[in-house]
Every structure is written in C-alpha cells, then in structure tokens.
Amino acid sequence: MTGNGRTMSSRVVSSRAVPGLLVAMAALVLAQPAFAHEQVAVGGGLVRGLLHPLTGMDHLIAMVAVGIWGAQLGAPAIWVLPITFPMVMAVGGVLGVLRIPLPVPEVVIALSALVLGAAVAMRLRLPFAAAAVVVAVFAVFHGHAHGAELPGSANPLAYGVGFVVATGLLHLCGIMIGTLTRWPAGERLIQGLGVVIAALGCYFLAQSLGAAA
C-alpha cells in the first residue's frame, strides 16, 4: 500500500474511533450516579484498586484528558504529565487514608474535568512547569478521594498500587488518542472530545455545588 493509502486509512480509522468513544463516554455518564466517587461495596486489594478509577466517570475523563493534553503539548509533557499525576495522586491517597481533610474535594475533582477538558478543546499551550502544577494540584484531590474510600478491611498498599496503575493506563489511552493530532481531521475530533469532557465537568460541578449548598 502506498504512503497516501496508509494516510487515508489512518484518517478513516481516526474518524470512526473518536465518535465511538464519545458515544461510549455519554453512555457511561448516564449509567453513573450523580457522585461518581461515592462508591459502595468497594472491597480491598489490588483488583478493587484497579477497578475503582474505572467506575468513577469524573476521574476517568480527567485522566484521559491529562494524556490527551500531554500529547498536544508534546515532549517532555507527553510523558512527564502522565507520570506526575499518579505519583502525586499517591500522596493524596495517603492523606485520604489518614483522613486528613481537603477543602471541597468533590468540587475540585469536578473542576479538574472542566479545566482539563477546556485545555484540550482550546489546545492550551501553557509552559511545561505551569501545566505540571495544574496537573499536580488536581492529582492530590483525586488521590485523596480514592484514599478516603479505602475500606477498613482492605490492604492499603495493594489497593493504592491498583488505582495508581489503572490511572496510568487511562493516561496511556489519552496519549494514544492524542496522537490523532498529526492529522487535521483528528485534531478537530480531539478538540470536540475536549468540549465533551469540559461539558461533563460542568455537569459534575453543578451536581457537587448543589450538594454542598
């Protein structure tokens, strides 16, 4: 197959994959409760830790957005941001396990999806250090939520390793999606995905503010 043939084929795959992802994300949102982090019957151990980030839609879309934004920013952000988030998130997880409170955690978690989605939609080109700070701040709150939900019967280390690994895999998914930016059509689809993530962030933010009122 010629180079042009491969390019056309890649564009077709890209144009089909991202809309499908949007539909899947919308379906997941409709299936989630208003507060995605208020999980029940979350057991302990590695498997539960791996599954937990996948059951909270606000966490899931924010993690994917980190990977996409890193891909948009390019090196070194494409790798450092997805590494920074799980590492700092682990610190937040310890704070949650120790029951050290953070201010309005659900609001900040919802805000993370809004901000990161908007960054993807606008192709926001922050300096690398500033982008890392934004990601790190949100990581503390996401980690705190997971740590606070750790059941008393769970193995804290295994559970923590599980949700950190799952978060890293979500970042990797975001990076893979972000590689579509090499094609003009792919870039437009990714910006559309950013709009969807930001809109979902607004939804979660409204829910959390309503509960806090």
C-alpha atoms as a PDB file:
ATOM      1  CA  MET A   1       0.000   0.000   0.000  1.00  0.00           C
ATOM      2  CA  THR A   2       1.326   3.471  -0.825  1.00  0.00           C
ATOM      3  CA  GLY A   3       2.038   6.188   1.723  1.00  0.00           C
ATOM      4  CA  ASN A   4      -1.084   8.062   0.638  1.00  0.00           C
ATOM      5  CA  GLY A   5      -3.115   4.889   1.074  1.00  0.00           C
ATOM      6  CA  ARG A   6      -1.852   4.429   4.605  1.00  0.00           C
ATOM      7  CA  THR A   7      -2.636   8.048   5.450  1.00  0.00           C
ATOM      8  CA  MET A   8      -6.173   7.776   4.094  1.00  0.00           C
ATOM      9  CA  SER A   9      -6.712   4.528   6.002  1.00  0.00           C
ATOM     10  CA  SER A  10      -5.447   6.096   9.245  1.00  0.00           C
ATOM     11  CA  ARG A  11      -7.768   9.047   8.801  1.00  0.00           C
ATOM     12  CA  VAL A  12     -10.747   6.757   8.300  1.00  0.00           C
ATOM     13  CA  VAL A  13      -9.893   4.813  11.457  1.00  0.00           C
ATOM     14  CA  SER A  14      -9.412   8.068  13.375  1.00  0.00           C
ATOM     15  CA  SER A  15     -12.732   9.489  12.217  1.00  0.00           C
ATOM     16  CA  ARG A  16     -14.533   6.317  13.267  1.00  0.00           C
ATOM     17  CA  ALA A  17     -12.779   5.757  16.593  1.00  0.00           C
ATOM     18  CA  VAL A  18     -13.290   9.110  18.293  1.00  0.00           C
ATOM     19  CA  PRO A  19     -17.057   9.454  17.675  1.00  0.00           C
ATOM     20  CA  GLY A  20     -17.437   5.939  19.037  1.00  0.00           C
ATOM     21  CA  LEU A  21     -15.516   6.984  22.114  1.00  0.00           C
ATOM     22  CA  LEU A  22     -17.819   9.984  22.581  1.00  0.00           C
ATOM     23  CA  VAL A  23     -20.886   7.732  22.444  1.00  0.00           C
ATOM     24  CA  ALA A  24     -19.343   5.304  24.939  1.00  0.00           C
ATOM     25  CA  MET A  25     -18.481   8.128  27.333  1.00  0.00           C
ATOM     26  CA  ALA A  26     -22.023   9.505  27.126  1.00  0.00           C
ATOM     27  CA  ALA A  27     -23.447   6.062  27.874  1.00  0.00           C
ATOM     28  CA  LEU A  28     -21.170   5.681  30.874  1.00  0.00           C
ATOM     29  CA  VAL A  29     -22.240   9.054  32.248  1.00  0.00           C
ATOM     30  CA  LEU A  30     -25.908   8.126  32.043  1.00  0.00           C
ATOM     31  CA  ALA A  31     -25.142   4.932  33.927  1.00  0.00           C
ATOM     32  CA  GLN A  32     -23.216   6.666  36.722  1.00  0.00           C
ATOM     33  CA  PRO A  33     -24.725   8.114  39.902  1.00  0.00           C
ATOM     34  CA  ALA A  34     -24.547  11.858  40.413  1.00  0.00           C
ATOM     35  CA  PHE A  35     -21.438  11.489  42.531  1.00  0.00           C
ATOM     36  CA  ALA A  36     -19.081   9.101  40.862  1.00  0.00           C
ATOM     37  CA  HIS A  37     -16.756   8.942  43.865  1.00  0.00           C
ATOM     38  CA  GLU A  38     -19.440   7.901  46.338  1.00  0.00           C
ATOM     39  CA  GLN A  39     -18.909   4.219  45.664  1.00  0.00           C
ATOM     40  CA  VAL A  40     -20.424   1.451  47.759  1.00  0.00           C
ATOM     41  CA  ALA A  41     -19.123  -2.042  48.392  1.00  0.00           C
ATOM     42  CA  VAL A  42     -15.599  -1.135  47.265  1.00  0.00           C
ATOM     43  CA  GLY A  43     -13.573  -4.091  48.509  1.00  0.00           C
ATOM     44  CA  GLY A  44      -9.880  -4.100  49.232  1.00  0.00           C
ATOM     45  CA  GLY A  45      -6.862  -5.331  47.401  1.00  0.00           C
ATOM     46  CA  LEU A  46      -5.207  -4.913  44.069  1.00  0.00           C
ATOM     47  CA  VAL A  47      -8.171  -5.858  41.871  1.00  0.00           C
ATOM     48  CA  ARG A  48     -10.515  -3.429  43.598  1.00  0.00           C
ATOM     49  CA  GLY A  49      -7.881  -0.729  43.331  1.00  0.00           C
ATOM     50  CA  LEU A  50      -7.528  -1.373  39.613  1.00  0.00           C
ATOM     51  CA  LEU A  51     -11.281  -1.247  39.031  1.00  0.00           C
ATOM     52  CA  HIS A  52     -12.078   1.742  41.202  1.00  0.00           C
ATOM     53  CA  PRO A  53     -10.825   4.526  38.855  1.00  0.00           C
ATOM     54  CA  LEU A  54     -12.823   2.954  36.026  1.00  0.00           C
ATOM     55  CA  THR A  55     -16.114   3.218  37.915  1.00  0.00           C
ATOM     56  CA  GLY A  56     -15.904   6.970  38.565  1.00  0.00           C
ATOM     57  CA  MET A  57     -16.710   8.875  35.381  1.00  0.00           C
ATOM     58  CA  ASP A  58     -15.313  12.176  36.666  1.00  0.00           C
ATOM     59  CA  HIS A  59     -11.995  10.507  37.440  1.00  0.00           C
ATOM     60  CA  LEU A  60     -11.937   8.572  34.171  1.00  0.00           C
ATOM     61  CA  ILE A  61     -12.468  11.546  31.861  1.00  0.00           C
ATOM     62  CA  ALA A  62      -9.977  13.706  33.754  1.00  0.00           C
ATOM     63  CA  MET A  63      -7.295  11.018  33.461  1.00  0.00           C
ATOM     64  CA  VAL A  64      -7.867  10.604  29.738  1.00  0.00           C
ATOM     65  CA  ALA A  65      -7.747  14.393  29.352  1.00  0.00           C
ATOM     66  CA  VAL A  66      -4.330  14.512  31.057  1.00  0.00           C
ATOM     67  CA  GLY A  67      -2.953  12.100  28.476  1.00  0.00           C
ATOM     68  CA  ILE A  68      -4.509  13.969  25.546  1.00  0.00           C
ATOM     69  CA  TRP A  69      -3.282  17.354  26.793  1.00  0.00           C
ATOM     70  CA  GLY A  70       0.206  15.969  27.275  1.00  0.00           C
ATOM     71  CA  ALA A  71       0.170  14.686  23.698  1.00  0.00           C
ATOM     72  CA  GLN A  72      -0.926  18.112  22.474  1.00  0.00           C
ATOM     73  CA  LEU A  73       1.889  19.810  24.395  1.00  0.00           C
ATOM     74  CA  GLY A  74       4.474  17.363  23.064  1.00  0.00           C
ATOM     75  CA  ALA A  75       7.760  16.375  24.681  1.00  0.00           C
ATOM     76  CA  PRO A  76       8.505  16.346  27.555  1.00  0.00           C
ATOM     77  CA  ALA A  77       4.917  16.928  28.720  1.00  0.00           C
ATOM     78  CA  ILE A  78       3.566  13.931  26.810  1.00  0.00           C
ATOM     79  CA  TRP A  79       5.389  11.636  29.239  1.00  0.00           C
ATOM     80  CA  VAL A  80       6.067  13.745  32.320  1.00  0.00           C
ATOM     81  CA  LEU A  81       2.478  14.836  32.960  1.00  0.00           C
ATOM     82  CA  PRO A  82       1.101  11.260  32.953  1.00  0.00           C
ATOM     83  CA  ILE A  83       3.941  10.253  35.290  1.00  0.00           C
ATOM     84  CA  THR A  84       3.493  13.258  37.584  1.00  0.00           C
ATOM     85  CA  PHE A  85      -0.207  12.664  38.107  1.00  0.00           C
ATOM     86  CA  PRO A  86      -0.054   9.098  39.528  1.00  0.00           C
ATOM     87  CA  MET A  87       2.954   9.949  41.714  1.00  0.00           C
ATOM     88  CA  VAL A  88       1.294  12.998  43.265  1.00  0.00           C
ATOM     89  CA  MET A  89      -2.021  11.160  43.399  1.00  0.00           C
ATOM     90  CA  ALA A  90      -0.384   8.552  45.625  1.00  0.00           C
ATOM     91  CA  VAL A  91       0.480  11.337  48.086  1.00  0.00           C
ATOM     92  CA  GLY A  92      -3.134  12.470  48.046  1.00  0.00           C
ATOM     93  CA  GLY A  93      -4.169   8.861  48.625  1.00  0.00           C
ATOM     94  CA  VAL A  94      -2.101   8.765  51.821  1.00  0.00           C
ATOM     95  CA  LEU A  95      -3.817  11.940  53.006  1.00  0.00           C
ATOM     96  CA  GLY A  96      -7.172  10.296  52.356  1.00  0.00           C
ATOM     97  CA  VAL A  97      -6.245   7.124  54.215  1.00  0.00           C
ATOM     98  CA  LEU A  98      -5.109   9.247  57.174  1.00  0.00           C
ATOM     99  CA  ARG A  99      -8.441  11.112  56.995  1.00  0.00           C
ATOM    100  CA  ILE A 100      -6.686  14.479  56.603  1.00  0.00           C
ATOM    101  CA  PRO A 101      -9.405  16.689  55.111  1.00  0.00           C
ATOM    102  CA  LEU A 102      -9.113  18.763  51.953  1.00  0.00           C
ATOM    103  CA  PRO A 103     -11.477  21.637  51.124  1.00  0.00           C
ATOM    104  CA  VAL A 104     -14.463  20.828  48.865  1.00  0.00           C
ATOM    105  CA  PRO A 105     -12.850  17.751  47.262  1.00  0.00           C
ATOM    106  CA  GLU A 106     -15.827  16.838  45.053  1.00  0.00           C
ATOM    107  CA  VAL A 107     -15.936  20.375  43.666  1.00  0.00           C
ATOM    108  CA  VAL A 108     -12.237  20.339  42.799  1.00  0.00           C
ATOM    109  CA  ILE A 109     -12.485  16.875  41.209  1.00  0.00           C
ATOM    110  CA  ALA A 110     -15.356  18.041  39.001  1.00  0.00           C
ATOM    111  CA  LEU A 111     -13.444  21.233  38.241  1.00  0.00           C
ATOM    112  CA  SER A 112     -10.472  19.139  37.101  1.00  0.00           C
ATOM    113  CA  ALA A 113     -12.542  17.576  34.327  1.00  0.00           C
ATOM    114  CA  LEU A 114     -13.818  21.012  33.297  1.00  0.00           C
ATOM    115  CA  VAL A 115     -10.361  22.629  33.248  1.00  0.00           C
ATOM    116  CA  LEU A 116      -8.532  19.740  31.583  1.00  0.00           C
ATOM    117  CA  GLY A 117     -11.281  19.302  29.002  1.00  0.00           C
ATOM    118  CA  ALA A 118     -11.163  23.015  28.225  1.00  0.00           C
ATOM    119  CA  ALA A 119      -7.364  22.848  27.900  1.00  0.00           C
ATOM    120  CA  VAL A 120      -7.740  20.082  25.310  1.00  0.00           C
ATOM    121  CA  ALA A 121     -10.544  21.892  23.460  1.00  0.00           C
ATOM    122  CA  MET A 122      -8.566  25.147  23.267  1.00  0.00           C
ATOM    123  CA  ARG A 123      -5.206  23.440  22.665  1.00  0.00           C
ATOM    124  CA  LEU A 124      -3.931  25.453  25.636  1.00  0.00           C
ATOM    125  CA  ARG A 125      -0.138  25.859  25.375  1.00  0.00           C
ATOM    126  CA  LEU A 126       0.925  26.510  28.962  1.00  0.00           C
ATOM    127  CA  PRO A 127       4.615  26.431  29.904  1.00  0.00           C
ATOM    128  CA  PHE A 128       5.593  22.939  30.956  1.00  0.00           C
ATOM    129  CA  ALA A 129       6.100  23.883  34.619  1.00  0.00           C
ATOM    130  CA  ALA A 130       2.689  25.551  34.817  1.00  0.00           C
ATOM    131  CA  ALA A 131       0.977  22.563  33.198  1.00  0.00           C
ATOM    132  CA  ALA A 132       2.705  20.243  35.683  1.00  0.00           C
ATOM    133  CA  VAL A 133       1.470  22.347  38.614  1.00  0.00           C
ATOM    134  CA  VAL A 134      -2.120  22.266  37.326  1.00  0.00           C
ATOM    135  CA  VAL A 135      -1.978  18.501  36.931  1.00  0.00           C
ATOM    136  CA  ALA A 136      -0.332  18.001  40.334  1.00  0.00           C
ATOM    137  CA  VAL A 137      -2.956  20.050  42.193  1.00  0.00           C
ATOM    138  CA  PHE A 138      -5.798  18.048  40.708  1.00  0.00           C
ATOM    139  CA  ALA A 139      -3.887  14.802  41.332  1.00  0.00           C
ATOM    140  CA  VAL A 140      -3.828  15.444  45.086  1.00  0.00           C
ATOM    141  CA  PHE A 141      -7.629  15.693  45.200  1.00  0.00           C
ATOM    142  CA  HIS A 142      -8.220  12.645  43.011  1.00  0.00           C
ATOM    143  CA  GLY A 143      -5.837  10.616  45.156  1.00  0.00           C
ATOM    144  CA  HIS A 144      -7.441  11.869  48.355  1.00  0.00           C
ATOM    145  CA  ALA A 145     -10.861  10.698  47.156  1.00  0.00           C
ATOM    146  CA  HIS A 146      -9.541   7.196  46.455  1.00  0.00           C
ATOM    147  CA  GLY A 147      -7.687   7.000  49.760  1.00  0.00           C
ATOM    148  CA  ALA A 148     -10.711   8.189  51.749  1.00  0.00           C
ATOM    149  CA  GLU A 149     -12.802   5.401  50.184  1.00  0.00           C
ATOM    150  CA  LEU A 150     -10.392   2.667  51.214  1.00  0.00           C
ATOM    151  CA  PRO A 151     -12.418   0.041  53.140  1.00  0.00           C
ATOM    152  CA  GLY A 152     -11.215  -0.846  56.610  1.00  0.00           C
ATOM    153  CA  SER A 153     -10.659  -4.469  55.590  1.00  0.00           C
ATOM    154  CA  ALA A 154      -8.545  -3.588  52.544  1.00  0.00           C
ATOM    155  CA  ASN A 155      -4.827  -3.913  52.046  1.00  0.00           C
ATOM    156  CA  PRO A 156      -3.850  -0.237  51.670  1.00  0.00           C
ATOM    157  CA  LEU A 157      -0.675  -0.881  49.694  1.00  0.00           C
ATOM    158  CA  ALA A 158      -2.278  -3.271  47.208  1.00  0.00           C
ATOM    159  CA  TYR A 159      -5.301  -1.011  46.794  1.00  0.00           C
ATOM    160  CA  GLY A 160      -3.060   2.029  46.260  1.00  0.00           C
ATOM    161  CA  VAL A 161      -0.915   0.249  43.687  1.00  0.00           C
ATOM    162  CA  GLY A 162      -4.076  -0.804  41.871  1.00  0.00           C
ATOM    163  CA  PHE A 163      -5.602   2.636  41.463  1.00  0.00           C
ATOM    164  CA  VAL A 164      -2.257   4.224  40.553  1.00  0.00           C
ATOM    165  CA  VAL A 165      -1.647   1.612  37.828  1.00  0.00           C
ATOM    166  CA  ALA A 166      -5.199   1.999  36.498  1.00  0.00           C
ATOM    167  CA  THR A 167      -4.730   5.766  36.373  1.00  0.00           C
ATOM    168  CA  GLY A 168      -1.511   5.348  34.406  1.00  0.00           C
ATOM    169  CA  LEU A 169      -3.327   3.145  31.895  1.00  0.00           C
ATOM    170  CA  LEU A 170      -6.027   5.786  31.474  1.00  0.00           C
ATOM    171  CA  HIS A 171      -3.292   8.340  30.782  1.00  0.00           C
ATOM    172  CA  LEU A 172      -1.870   5.996  28.164  1.00  0.00           C
ATOM    173  CA  CYS A 173      -5.277   5.782  26.491  1.00  0.00           C
ATOM    174  CA  GLY A 174      -5.339   9.569  26.401  1.00  0.00           C
ATOM    175  CA  ILE A 175      -1.878   9.703  24.831  1.00  0.00           C
ATOM    176  CA  MET A 176      -2.942   7.238  22.154  1.00  0.00           C
ATOM    177  CA  ILE A 177      -5.993   9.357  21.376  1.00  0.00           C
ATOM    178  CA  GLY A 178      -3.773  12.432  21.357  1.00  0.00           C
ATOM    179  CA  THR A 179      -1.639  11.007  18.566  1.00  0.00           C
ATOM    180  CA  LEU A 180      -4.545  11.759  16.229  1.00  0.00           C
ATOM    181  CA  THR A 181      -3.371  15.390  16.307  1.00  0.00           C
ATOM    182  CA  ARG A 182      -0.953  14.601  13.474  1.00  0.00           C
ATOM    183  CA  TRP A 183      -3.941  14.766  11.098  1.00  0.00           C
ATOM    184  CA  PRO A 184      -6.107  17.899  10.726  1.00  0.00           C
ATOM    185  CA  ALA A 185      -9.323  15.911  10.989  1.00  0.00           C
ATOM    186  CA  GLY A 186      -8.001  14.118  14.070  1.00  0.00           C
ATOM    187  CA  GLU A 187      -7.137  17.426  15.720  1.00  0.00           C
ATOM    188  CA  ARG A 188     -10.678  18.695  15.221  1.00  0.00           C
ATOM    189  CA  LEU A 189     -12.126  15.496  16.649  1.00  0.00           C
ATOM    190  CA  ILE A 190      -9.870  15.740  19.685  1.00  0.00           C
ATOM    191  CA  GLN A 191     -10.927  19.326  20.273  1.00  0.00           C
ATOM    192  CA  GLY A 192     -14.528  18.139  20.098  1.00  0.00           C
ATOM    193  CA  LEU A 193     -13.711  15.469  22.664  1.00  0.00           C
ATOM    194  CA  GLY A 194     -12.257  18.195  24.881  1.00  0.00           C
ATOM    195  CA  VAL A 195     -15.538  20.087  24.642  1.00  0.00           C
ATOM    196  CA  VAL A 196     -17.430  16.954  25.698  1.00  0.00           C
ATOM    197  CA  ILE A 197     -15.090  16.397  28.669  1.00  0.00           C
ATOM    198  CA  ALA A 198     -15.459  20.036  29.745  1.00  0.00           C
ATOM    199  CA  ALA A 199     -19.250  19.801  29.440  1.00  0.00           C
ATOM    200  CA  LEU A 200     -19.277  16.681  31.612  1.00  0.00           C
ATOM    201  CA  GLY A 201     -17.076  18.535  34.081  1.00  0.00           C
ATOM    202  CA  CYS A 202     -19.712  21.298  34.206  1.00  0.00           C
ATOM    203  CA  TYR A 203     -22.357  18.662  34.907  1.00  0.00           C
ATOM    204  CA  PHE A 204     -20.383  17.120  37.769  1.00  0.00           C
ATOM    205  CA  LEU A 205     -19.531  20.589  39.094  1.00  0.00           C
ATOM    206  CA  ALA A 206     -23.189  21.603  39.169  1.00  0.00           C
ATOM    207  CA  GLN A 207     -24.058  18.378  40.988  1.00  0.00           C
ATOM    208  CA  SER A 208     -21.336  18.843  43.591  1.00  0.00           C
ATOM    209  CA  LEU A 209     -22.170  22.515  44.164  1.00  0.00           C
ATOM    210  CA  GLY A 210     -25.830  21.615  44.544  1.00  0.00           C
ATOM    211  CA  ALA A 211     -24.979  19.011  47.164  1.00  0.00           C
ATOM    212  CA  ALA A 212     -22.709  21.421  49.027  1.00  0.00           C
ATOM    213  CA  ALA A 213     -25.350  24.166  49.118  1.00  0.00           C
END
